[in-house]
Amino acid sequence: MIIYKKVIDISLSLENCRKLNAQIGFVPTMGALHNGHISLLEMSKKQNQLTVCSIFVNPTQFNDKADFEKYPTTIEADIAALESVGCDVLFLPSVEEIYPDKNSLAHYNLGSLETVLEGKYRPGHFQGVCQVVDRLLSIIQPSAIYLGQKDYQQCMVLQKLIQLKNYNTQLIVCPTLRENSGLAMSSRNIRLSDSGKVAAIAIYNSLLFIKENIARLPLVDLKNQVETSLLQQGFSAVDYVEICDAASLETITDYTPTTSTVVLVAAFIEGVRLIDNMVIS
């Protein structure tokens, strides 16, 4: 695996690969890699001649400075994991490489995606996500970018970014990887105690509860029951329990089996904010 830290170096290398018509797969990360990330890299390896991973903890997508400062950093373990899966290139840039001119950061017209769910509770978050991914896509110019379904709304936002910027890049969403308990794999799980990880399983169980009862109980009642249950099971706060149209993220008030629906949850436990979702077809 080759590691690049400078934009000019990785750009020249990948330009040579594109001249040979190599398909380039790209997995953007913020490090603290887990098996969910590895599954994205494995998919890219199957579908492309070259796989690039980036590790960059992006300051512009954190609306909470404390959250940014606590984000886990495990670079040596990350490099070992990337080598073990056969990643070809690691891009490990500094903030100055990604944002050479901090005064000219772009603003993106994301429509309602920026005002609901994560957009509502993390103002500015998706602008920051778009700023860094726009920059990375312009540098890497991949054939495909691989993302996990756990960040459902973010996947929709980045599809919008690709359309806005006319990138010739396919966005491929891969299934959420879970622990045996059902807990969605996340870099933030590192910050949970053993008992916190056990309690956090309640989010997954809540998604299953809604899936099992969505056709027989009023949706408002379902959401209220789940929120109350999470608070009773050790969560300190619940940002949202929402049932939405899977294509638009508009809240639905009545369930229709023929419409693809997604259930999304965001809640805090031990000071760690966890998100998860489940698509119900």
C-alpha atoms as a PDB file:
ATOM      1  CA  MET A   1       0.000   0.000   0.000  1.00  0.00           C
ATOM      2  CA  ILE A   2       1.264   3.452  -0.931  1.00  0.00           C
ATOM      3  CA  ILE A   3       0.576   6.333   1.472  1.00  0.00           C
ATOM      4  CA  TYR A   4       0.252   9.876   0.141  1.00  0.00           C
ATOM      5  CA  LYS A   5      -0.031  13.004   2.269  1.00  0.00           C
ATOM      6  CA  LYS A   6       0.163  15.656  -0.453  1.00  0.00           C
ATOM      7  CA  VAL A   7      -2.538  16.428  -3.010  1.00  0.00           C
ATOM      8  CA  ILE A   8      -0.027  16.915  -5.819  1.00  0.00           C
ATOM      9  CA  ASP A   9       1.558  13.505  -5.240  1.00  0.00           C
ATOM     10  CA  ILE A  10      -1.642  11.447  -5.174  1.00  0.00           C
ATOM     11  CA  SER A  11      -3.083  13.449  -8.083  1.00  0.00           C
ATOM     12  CA  LEU A  12      -0.102  12.643 -10.325  1.00  0.00           C
ATOM     13  CA  SER A  13      -0.163   8.972  -9.357  1.00  0.00           C
ATOM     14  CA  LEU A  14      -3.885   8.541 -10.011  1.00  0.00           C
ATOM     15  CA  GLU A  15      -3.665  10.486 -13.267  1.00  0.00           C
ATOM     16  CA  ASN A  16      -1.249   7.871 -14.531  1.00  0.00           C
ATOM     17  CA  CYS A  17      -3.677   5.127 -13.484  1.00  0.00           C
ATOM     18  CA  ARG A  18      -6.548   6.800 -15.325  1.00  0.00           C
ATOM     19  CA  LYS A  19      -4.412   6.991 -18.482  1.00  0.00           C
ATOM     20  CA  LEU A  20      -4.325   3.188 -18.323  1.00  0.00           C
ATOM     21  CA  ASN A  21      -8.156   3.193 -18.021  1.00  0.00           C
ATOM     22  CA  ALA A  22      -8.017   1.775 -14.501  1.00  0.00           C
ATOM     23  CA  GLN A  23     -11.302   1.784 -12.575  1.00  0.00           C
ATOM     24  CA  ILE A  24     -10.712   3.535  -9.252  1.00  0.00           C
ATOM     25  CA  GLY A  25     -12.825   2.766  -6.195  1.00  0.00           C
ATOM     26  CA  PHE A  26     -12.822   5.207  -3.274  1.00  0.00           C
ATOM     27  CA  VAL A  27     -13.711   4.770   0.402  1.00  0.00           C
ATOM     28  CA  PRO A  28     -13.621   8.044   2.392  1.00  0.00           C
ATOM     29  CA  THR A  29     -13.243   7.608   6.166  1.00  0.00           C
ATOM     30  CA  MET A  30     -12.376   9.507   9.314  1.00  0.00           C
ATOM     31  CA  GLY A  31     -10.295   6.617  10.610  1.00  0.00           C
ATOM     32  CA  ALA A  32     -10.916   4.427  13.666  1.00  0.00           C
ATOM     33  CA  LEU A  33     -11.627   1.729  11.097  1.00  0.00           C
ATOM     34  CA  HIS A  34     -13.878  -1.234  11.868  1.00  0.00           C
ATOM     35  CA  ASN A  35     -15.281  -4.151   9.882  1.00  0.00           C
ATOM     36  CA  GLY A  36     -17.919  -1.921   8.352  1.00  0.00           C
ATOM     37  CA  HIS A  37     -15.183   0.097   6.661  1.00  0.00           C
ATOM     38  CA  ILE A  38     -13.401  -3.115   5.687  1.00  0.00           C
ATOM     39  CA  SER A  39     -16.548  -4.386   3.961  1.00  0.00           C
ATOM     40  CA  LEU A  40     -16.622  -1.222   1.824  1.00  0.00           C
ATOM     41  CA  LEU A  41     -12.991  -1.728   0.862  1.00  0.00           C
ATOM     42  CA  GLU A  42     -13.634  -5.370   0.000  1.00  0.00           C
ATOM     43  CA  MET A  43     -16.509  -4.360  -2.273  1.00  0.00           C
ATOM     44  CA  SER A  44     -14.308  -1.778  -3.971  1.00  0.00           C
ATOM     45  CA  LYS A  45     -11.553  -4.361  -4.437  1.00  0.00           C
ATOM     46  CA  LYS A  46     -13.999  -6.683  -6.202  1.00  0.00           C
ATOM     47  CA  GLN A  47     -15.267  -4.009  -8.573  1.00  0.00           C
ATOM     48  CA  ASN A  48     -12.184  -1.920  -9.394  1.00  0.00           C
ATOM     49  CA  GLN A  49      -8.556  -2.247 -10.445  1.00  0.00           C
ATOM     50  CA  LEU A  50      -7.429   0.241  -7.784  1.00  0.00           C
ATOM     51  CA  THR A  51      -8.861   1.004  -4.341  1.00  0.00           C
ATOM     52  CA  VAL A  52      -8.153   4.274  -2.544  1.00  0.00           C
ATOM     53  CA  CYS A  53      -9.004   4.966   1.100  1.00  0.00           C
ATOM     54  CA  SER A  54      -8.769   8.376   2.732  1.00  0.00           C
ATOM     55  CA  ILE A  55      -8.438   9.066   6.449  1.00  0.00           C
ATOM     56  CA  PHE A  56      -9.243  12.629   7.409  1.00  0.00           C
ATOM     57  CA  VAL A  57     -11.129  13.849  10.473  1.00  0.00           C
ATOM     58  CA  ASN A  58     -12.953  16.745   8.874  1.00  0.00           C
ATOM     59  CA  PRO A  59     -13.313  19.744  11.225  1.00  0.00           C
ATOM     60  CA  THR A  60     -15.975  21.502   9.141  1.00  0.00           C
ATOM     61  CA  GLN A  61     -18.618  18.804   9.695  1.00  0.00           C
ATOM     62  CA  PHE A  62     -18.530  18.961  13.502  1.00  0.00           C
ATOM     63  CA  ASN A  63     -20.992  21.452  14.935  1.00  0.00           C
ATOM     64  CA  ASP A  64     -19.830  20.385  18.423  1.00  0.00           C
ATOM     65  CA  LYS A  65     -16.149  21.194  19.090  1.00  0.00           C
ATOM     66  CA  ALA A  66     -16.012  18.700  21.969  1.00  0.00           C
ATOM     67  CA  ASP A  67     -17.252  15.932  19.663  1.00  0.00           C
ATOM     68  CA  PHE A  68     -14.469  16.759  17.196  1.00  0.00           C
ATOM     69  CA  GLU A  69     -11.831  16.709  19.931  1.00  0.00           C
ATOM     70  CA  LYS A  70     -13.055  13.335  21.273  1.00  0.00           C
ATOM     71  CA  TYR A  71     -13.230  11.633  17.870  1.00  0.00           C
ATOM     72  CA  PRO A  72     -11.070   8.484  18.152  1.00  0.00           C
ATOM     73  CA  THR A  73      -7.700   8.347  16.374  1.00  0.00           C
ATOM     74  CA  THR A  74      -6.112   4.930  15.759  1.00  0.00           C
ATOM     75  CA  ILE A  75      -3.879   5.560  12.747  1.00  0.00           C
ATOM     76  CA  GLU A  76      -1.367   2.713  13.286  1.00  0.00           C
ATOM     77  CA  ALA A  77      -4.138   0.145  13.651  1.00  0.00           C
ATOM     78  CA  ASP A  78      -5.926   1.686  10.667  1.00  0.00           C
ATOM     79  CA  ILE A  79      -2.872   1.319   8.423  1.00  0.00           C
ATOM     80  CA  ALA A  80      -2.477  -2.313   9.499  1.00  0.00           C
ATOM     81  CA  ALA A  81      -6.152  -2.991   8.726  1.00  0.00           C
ATOM     82  CA  LEU A  82      -5.875  -1.379   5.295  1.00  0.00           C
ATOM     83  CA  GLU A  83      -2.790  -3.423   4.460  1.00  0.00           C
ATOM     84  CA  SER A  84      -4.470  -6.636   5.580  1.00  0.00           C
ATOM     85  CA  VAL A  85      -7.414  -6.088   3.219  1.00  0.00           C
ATOM     86  CA  GLY A  86      -5.168  -5.180   0.295  1.00  0.00           C
ATOM     87  CA  CYS A  87      -5.982  -1.481  -0.029  1.00  0.00           C
ATOM     88  CA  ASP A  88      -3.798  -0.014  -2.770  1.00  0.00           C
ATOM     89  CA  VAL A  89      -3.570   3.651  -1.763  1.00  0.00           C
ATOM     90  CA  LEU A  90      -4.098   5.579   1.478  1.00  0.00           C
ATOM     91  CA  PHE A  91      -4.579   9.329   1.306  1.00  0.00           C
ATOM     92  CA  LEU A  92      -3.659  10.867   4.660  1.00  0.00           C
ATOM     93  CA  PRO A  93      -3.853  14.644   4.173  1.00  0.00           C
ATOM     94  CA  SER A  94      -3.513  17.526   6.615  1.00  0.00           C
ATOM     95  CA  VAL A  95      -6.210  20.161   7.062  1.00  0.00           C
ATOM     96  CA  GLU A  96      -4.064  22.555   5.015  1.00  0.00           C
ATOM     97  CA  GLU A  97      -3.986  20.110   2.082  1.00  0.00           C
ATOM     98  CA  ILE A  98      -7.773  19.701   2.073  1.00  0.00           C
ATOM     99  CA  TYR A  99      -8.595  23.341   2.775  1.00  0.00           C
ATOM    100  CA  PRO A 100      -5.772  25.484   1.331  1.00  0.00           C
ATOM    101  CA  ASP A 101      -8.092  28.508   1.382  1.00  0.00           C
ATOM    102  CA  LYS A 102     -10.426  28.300   4.363  1.00  0.00           C
ATOM    103  CA  ASN A 103     -12.059  31.594   3.392  1.00  0.00           C
ATOM    104  CA  SER A 104     -13.513  30.261   0.144  1.00  0.00           C
ATOM    105  CA  LEU A 105     -15.439  27.191   1.291  1.00  0.00           C
ATOM    106  CA  ALA A 106     -18.356  26.435  -1.011  1.00  0.00           C
ATOM    107  CA  HIS A 107     -22.025  26.333  -0.031  1.00  0.00           C
ATOM    108  CA  TYR A 108     -24.279  23.635  -1.484  1.00  0.00           C
ATOM    109  CA  ASN A 109     -27.990  23.753  -2.222  1.00  0.00           C
ATOM    110  CA  LEU A 110     -29.143  20.587  -0.503  1.00  0.00           C
ATOM    111  CA  GLY A 111     -32.815  21.492  -0.213  1.00  0.00           C
ATOM    112  CA  SER A 112     -34.863  19.837   2.520  1.00  0.00           C
ATOM    113  CA  LEU A 113     -32.136  17.239   3.188  1.00  0.00           C
ATOM    114  CA  GLU A 114     -30.311  19.918   5.168  1.00  0.00           C
ATOM    115  CA  THR A 115     -33.226  20.805   7.429  1.00  0.00           C
ATOM    116  CA  VAL A 116     -34.532  17.429   8.636  1.00  0.00           C
ATOM    117  CA  LEU A 117     -33.206  14.745  10.982  1.00  0.00           C
ATOM    118  CA  GLU A 118     -29.381  15.067  11.110  1.00  0.00           C
ATOM    119  CA  GLY A 119     -29.619  18.420   9.354  1.00  0.00           C
ATOM    120  CA  LYS A 120     -31.946  19.746  12.040  1.00  0.00           C
ATOM    121  CA  TYR A 121     -29.941  18.506  15.015  1.00  0.00           C
ATOM    122  CA  ARG A 122     -26.467  19.143  13.564  1.00  0.00           C
ATOM    123  CA  PRO A 123     -26.728  22.482  11.769  1.00  0.00           C
ATOM    124  CA  GLY A 124     -23.950  22.951   9.236  1.00  0.00           C
ATOM    125  CA  HIS A 125     -22.974  19.275   9.383  1.00  0.00           C
ATOM    126  CA  PHE A 126     -23.905  18.395   5.831  1.00  0.00           C
ATOM    127  CA  GLN A 127     -22.295  21.511   4.403  1.00  0.00           C
ATOM    128  CA  GLY A 128     -19.071  20.314   6.018  1.00  0.00           C
ATOM    129  CA  VAL A 129     -19.566  16.793   4.685  1.00  0.00           C
ATOM    130  CA  CYS A 130     -20.063  18.157   1.175  1.00  0.00           C
ATOM    131  CA  GLN A 131     -17.042  20.447   1.453  1.00  0.00           C
ATOM    132  CA  VAL A 132     -14.679  17.606   2.274  1.00  0.00           C
ATOM    133  CA  VAL A 133     -16.168  15.025  -0.108  1.00  0.00           C
ATOM    134  CA  ASP A 134     -16.296  17.549  -2.952  1.00  0.00           C
ATOM    135  CA  ARG A 135     -12.602  18.231  -2.399  1.00  0.00           C
ATOM    136  CA  LEU A 136     -11.763  14.525  -2.168  1.00  0.00           C
ATOM    137  CA  LEU A 137     -13.739  13.644  -5.301  1.00  0.00           C
ATOM    138  CA  SER A 138     -11.979  16.394  -7.226  1.00  0.00           C
ATOM    139  CA  ILE A 139      -8.617  14.956  -6.154  1.00  0.00           C
ATOM    140  CA  ILE A 140      -9.300  11.211  -6.460  1.00  0.00           C
ATOM    141  CA  GLN A 141     -11.752  11.360  -9.427  1.00  0.00           C
ATOM    142  CA  PRO A 142     -12.967   7.830  -8.680  1.00  0.00           C
ATOM    143  CA  SER A 143     -15.188   5.637 -10.816  1.00  0.00           C
ATOM    144  CA  ALA A 144     -17.181   4.760  -7.699  1.00  0.00           C
ATOM    145  CA  ILE A 145     -17.443   5.882  -4.084  1.00  0.00           C
ATOM    146  CA  TYR A 146     -18.500   3.388  -1.403  1.00  0.00           C
ATOM    147  CA  LEU A 147     -20.583   4.382   1.630  1.00  0.00           C
ATOM    148  CA  GLY A 148     -22.386   2.509   4.391  1.00  0.00           C
ATOM    149  CA  GLN A 149     -26.152   2.534   4.818  1.00  0.00           C
ATOM    150  CA  LYS A 150     -25.780   3.394   8.514  1.00  0.00           C
ATOM    151  CA  ASP A 151     -25.305   7.000   7.371  1.00  0.00           C
ATOM    152  CA  TYR A 152     -28.522   6.879   5.346  1.00  0.00           C
ATOM    153  CA  GLN A 153     -29.155  10.603   5.108  1.00  0.00           C
ATOM    154  CA  GLN A 154     -25.509  11.325   4.367  1.00  0.00           C
ATOM    155  CA  CYS A 155     -25.676   8.915   1.423  1.00  0.00           C
ATOM    156  CA  MET A 156     -28.610  10.909   0.045  1.00  0.00           C
ATOM    157  CA  VAL A 157     -26.743  14.177   0.585  1.00  0.00           C
ATOM    158  CA  LEU A 158     -23.662  12.929  -1.251  1.00  0.00           C
ATOM    159  CA  GLN A 159     -25.765  11.642  -4.145  1.00  0.00           C
ATOM    160  CA  LYS A 160     -27.125  15.189  -4.353  1.00  0.00           C
ATOM    161  CA  LEU A 161     -23.554  16.556  -4.297  1.00  0.00           C
ATOM    162  CA  ILE A 162     -22.526  14.270  -7.163  1.00  0.00           C
ATOM    163  CA  GLN A 163     -25.487  15.513  -9.190  1.00  0.00           C
ATOM    164  CA  LEU A 164     -24.832  19.168  -8.355  1.00  0.00           C
ATOM    165  CA  LYS A 165     -21.175  18.934  -9.382  1.00  0.00           C
ATOM    166  CA  ASN A 166     -21.716  16.539 -12.310  1.00  0.00           C
ATOM    167  CA  TYR A 167     -19.103  14.109 -11.051  1.00  0.00           C
ATOM    168  CA  ASN A 168     -18.666  11.021 -13.202  1.00  0.00           C
ATOM    169  CA  THR A 169     -18.737   8.880 -10.068  1.00  0.00           C
ATOM    170  CA  GLN A 170     -21.193   6.164  -9.086  1.00  0.00           C
ATOM    171  CA  LEU A 171     -22.302   6.136  -5.451  1.00  0.00           C
ATOM    172  CA  ILE A 172     -22.610   2.609  -4.089  1.00  0.00           C
ATOM    173  CA  VAL A 173     -24.367   2.118  -0.751  1.00  0.00           C
ATOM    174  CA  CYS A 174     -23.379  -1.045   1.119  1.00  0.00           C
ATOM    175  CA  PRO A 175     -25.398  -2.693   3.926  1.00  0.00           C
ATOM    176  CA  THR A 176     -24.807  -1.701   7.541  1.00  0.00           C
ATOM    177  CA  LEU A 177     -22.511  -4.161   9.299  1.00  0.00           C
ATOM    178  CA  ARG A 178     -23.561  -5.106  12.817  1.00  0.00           C
ATOM    179  CA  GLU A 179     -22.070  -6.770  15.847  1.00  0.00           C
ATOM    180  CA  ASN A 180     -23.548 -10.157  16.723  1.00  0.00           C
ATOM    181  CA  SER A 181     -25.759  -8.279  19.168  1.00  0.00           C
ATOM    182  CA  GLY A 182     -27.249  -6.160  16.386  1.00  0.00           C
ATOM    183  CA  LEU A 183     -25.422  -2.957  17.351  1.00  0.00           C
ATOM    184  CA  ALA A 184     -24.409  -1.081  14.206  1.00  0.00           C
ATOM    185  CA  MET A 185     -20.638  -0.894  13.825  1.00  0.00           C
ATOM    186  CA  SER A 186     -19.399   2.650  14.347  1.00  0.00           C
ATOM    187  CA  SER A 187     -16.114   4.358  15.157  1.00  0.00           C
ATOM    188  CA  ARG A 188     -17.948   6.037  18.032  1.00  0.00           C
ATOM    189  CA  ASN A 189     -18.543   2.658  19.703  1.00  0.00           C
ATOM    190  CA  ILE A 190     -14.913   2.799  20.891  1.00  0.00           C
ATOM    191  CA  ARG A 191     -16.002   5.459  23.384  1.00  0.00           C
ATOM    192  CA  LEU A 192     -18.641   3.207  24.998  1.00  0.00           C
ATOM    193  CA  SER A 193     -18.033   1.081  28.071  1.00  0.00           C
ATOM    194  CA  ASP A 194     -18.866  -2.627  27.912  1.00  0.00           C
ATOM    195  CA  SER A 195     -22.142  -1.982  29.711  1.00  0.00           C
ATOM    196  CA  GLY A 196     -22.827   0.954  27.398  1.00  0.00           C
ATOM    197  CA  LYS A 197     -22.428  -1.288  24.347  1.00  0.00           C
ATOM    198  CA  VAL A 198     -24.921  -3.729  25.835  1.00  0.00           C
ATOM    199  CA  ALA A 199     -27.421  -0.962  26.564  1.00  0.00           C
ATOM    200  CA  ALA A 200     -26.917   0.533  23.081  1.00  0.00           C
ATOM    201  CA  ILE A 201     -28.396  -2.604  21.517  1.00  0.00           C
ATOM    202  CA  ALA A 202     -31.759  -1.044  22.413  1.00  0.00           C
ATOM    203  CA  ILE A 203     -31.537   1.109  19.253  1.00  0.00           C
ATOM    204  CA  TYR A 204     -31.457  -1.956  16.998  1.00  0.00           C
ATOM    205  CA  ASN A 205     -34.219  -3.617  19.004  1.00  0.00           C
ATOM    206  CA  SER A 206     -36.278  -0.454  18.602  1.00  0.00           C
ATOM    207  CA  LEU A 207     -35.913  -0.617  14.834  1.00  0.00           C
ATOM    208  CA  LEU A 208     -37.053  -4.246  14.885  1.00  0.00           C
ATOM    209  CA  PHE A 209     -40.004  -3.324  17.116  1.00  0.00           C
ATOM    210  CA  ILE A 210     -41.162  -0.673  14.666  1.00  0.00           C
ATOM    211  CA  LYS A 211     -40.725  -3.017  11.700  1.00  0.00           C
ATOM    212  CA  GLU A 212     -42.814  -5.688  13.408  1.00  0.00           C
ATOM    213  CA  ASN A 213     -45.601  -3.309  14.418  1.00  0.00           C
ATOM    214  CA  ILE A 214     -45.644  -0.662  11.686  1.00  0.00           C
ATOM    215  CA  ALA A 215     -48.661  -2.157   9.935  1.00  0.00           C
ATOM    216  CA  ARG A 216     -50.820  -2.493  13.041  1.00  0.00           C
ATOM    217  CA  LEU A 217     -50.105   0.485  15.314  1.00  0.00           C
ATOM    218  CA  PRO A 218     -50.410   4.247  14.660  1.00  0.00           C
ATOM    219  CA  LEU A 219     -46.998   5.616  13.694  1.00  0.00           C
ATOM    220  CA  VAL A 220     -47.114   8.397  16.297  1.00  0.00           C
ATOM    221  CA  ASP A 221     -47.712   5.829  19.031  1.00  0.00           C
ATOM    222  CA  LEU A 222     -44.876   3.658  17.739  1.00  0.00           C
ATOM    223  CA  LYS A 223     -42.415   6.541  17.787  1.00  0.00           C
ATOM    224  CA  ASN A 224     -43.476   7.663  21.253  1.00  0.00           C
ATOM    225  CA  GLN A 225     -43.175   4.125  22.634  1.00  0.00           C
ATOM    226  CA  VAL A 226     -39.684   3.734  21.225  1.00  0.00           C
ATOM    227  CA  GLU A 227     -38.472   7.086  22.525  1.00  0.00           C
ATOM    228  CA  THR A 228     -39.803   6.334  26.008  1.00  0.00           C
ATOM    229  CA  SER A 229     -38.256   2.858  25.917  1.00  0.00           C
ATOM    230  CA  LEU A 230     -34.811   4.181  24.928  1.00  0.00           C
ATOM    231  CA  LEU A 231     -34.834   6.673  27.801  1.00  0.00           C
ATOM    232  CA  GLN A 232     -35.851   3.933  30.214  1.00  0.00           C
ATOM    233  CA  GLN A 233     -33.017   1.690  28.987  1.00  0.00           C
ATOM    234  CA  GLY A 234     -30.184   4.105  29.720  1.00  0.00           C
ATOM    235  CA  PHE A 235     -30.154   6.630  26.885  1.00  0.00           C
ATOM    236  CA  SER A 236     -29.807  10.173  28.212  1.00  0.00           C
ATOM    237  CA  ALA A 237     -31.513  11.892  25.281  1.00  0.00           C
ATOM    238  CA  VAL A 238     -33.228  11.047  22.005  1.00  0.00           C
ATOM    239  CA  ASP A 239     -32.854  13.481  19.100  1.00  0.00           C
ATOM    240  CA  TYR A 240     -35.345  11.701  16.913  1.00  0.00           C
ATOM    241  CA  VAL A 241     -37.240   8.518  16.181  1.00  0.00           C
ATOM    242  CA  GLU A 242     -38.657   9.051  12.716  1.00  0.00           C
ATOM    243  CA  ILE A 243     -40.475   7.063  10.041  1.00  0.00           C
ATOM    244  CA  CYS A 244     -39.937   8.478   6.561  1.00  0.00           C
ATOM    245  CA  ASP A 245     -40.367   7.898   2.873  1.00  0.00           C
ATOM    246  CA  ALA A 246     -37.105   6.161   1.922  1.00  0.00           C
ATOM    247  CA  ALA A 247     -36.731   8.177  -1.286  1.00  0.00           C
ATOM    248  CA  SER A 248     -37.352  11.681   0.075  1.00  0.00           C
ATOM    249  CA  LEU A 249     -36.959  11.477   3.886  1.00  0.00           C
ATOM    250  CA  GLU A 250     -40.349  13.141   4.229  1.00  0.00           C
ATOM    251  CA  THR A 251     -42.104  12.073   7.439  1.00  0.00           C
ATOM    252  CA  ILE A 252     -45.023   9.764   6.779  1.00  0.00           C
ATOM    253  CA  THR A 253     -48.144   9.680   8.927  1.00  0.00           C
ATOM    254  CA  ASP A 254     -49.652   6.485   7.537  1.00  0.00           C
ATOM    255  CA  TYR A 255     -47.814   3.347   6.519  1.00  0.00           C
ATOM    256  CA  THR A 256     -48.342   2.005   2.994  1.00  0.00           C
ATOM    257  CA  PRO A 257     -46.756  -1.407   2.348  1.00  0.00           C
ATOM    258  CA  THR A 258     -46.124  -0.578  -1.315  1.00  0.00           C
ATOM    259  CA  THR A 259     -43.992   2.465  -0.416  1.00  0.00           C
ATOM    260  CA  SER A 260     -40.378   1.939   0.645  1.00  0.00           C
ATOM    261  CA  THR A 261     -40.043   3.283   4.180  1.00  0.00           C
ATOM    262  CA  VAL A 262     -37.046   3.979   6.384  1.00  0.00           C
ATOM    263  CA  VAL A 263     -36.983   4.162  10.182  1.00  0.00           C
ATOM    264  CA  LEU A 264     -34.230   6.362  11.626  1.00  0.00           C
ATOM    265  CA  VAL A 265     -33.040   6.869  15.201  1.00  0.00           C
ATOM    266  CA  ALA A 266     -30.477   9.160  16.842  1.00  0.00           C
ATOM    267  CA  ALA A 267     -29.865   9.014  20.586  1.00  0.00           C
ATOM    268  CA  PHE A 268     -27.207   9.638  23.243  1.00  0.00           C
ATOM    269  CA  ILE A 269     -25.737   7.095  25.635  1.00  0.00           C
ATOM    270  CA  GLU A 270     -22.698   7.715  27.872  1.00  0.00           C
ATOM    271  CA  GLY A 271     -22.290  11.050  26.101  1.00  0.00           C
ATOM    272  CA  VAL A 272     -21.944   9.321  22.708  1.00  0.00           C
ATOM    273  CA  ARG A 273     -24.400  10.077  19.923  1.00  0.00           C
ATOM    274  CA  LEU A 274     -25.398   6.963  17.979  1.00  0.00           C
ATOM    275  CA  ILE A 275     -27.467   6.733  14.801  1.00  0.00           C
ATOM    276  CA  ASP A 276     -29.048   3.767  13.050  1.00  0.00           C
ATOM    277  CA  ASN A 277     -31.749   3.022  10.526  1.00  0.00           C
ATOM    278  CA  MET A 278     -33.696   0.224   8.888  1.00  0.00           C
ATOM    279  CA  VAL A 279     -35.373   0.191   5.487  1.00  0.00           C
ATOM    280  CA  ILE A 280     -38.796  -1.451   5.384  1.00  0.00           C
ATOM    281  CA  SER A 281     -40.002  -2.421   1.932  1.00  0.00           C
END
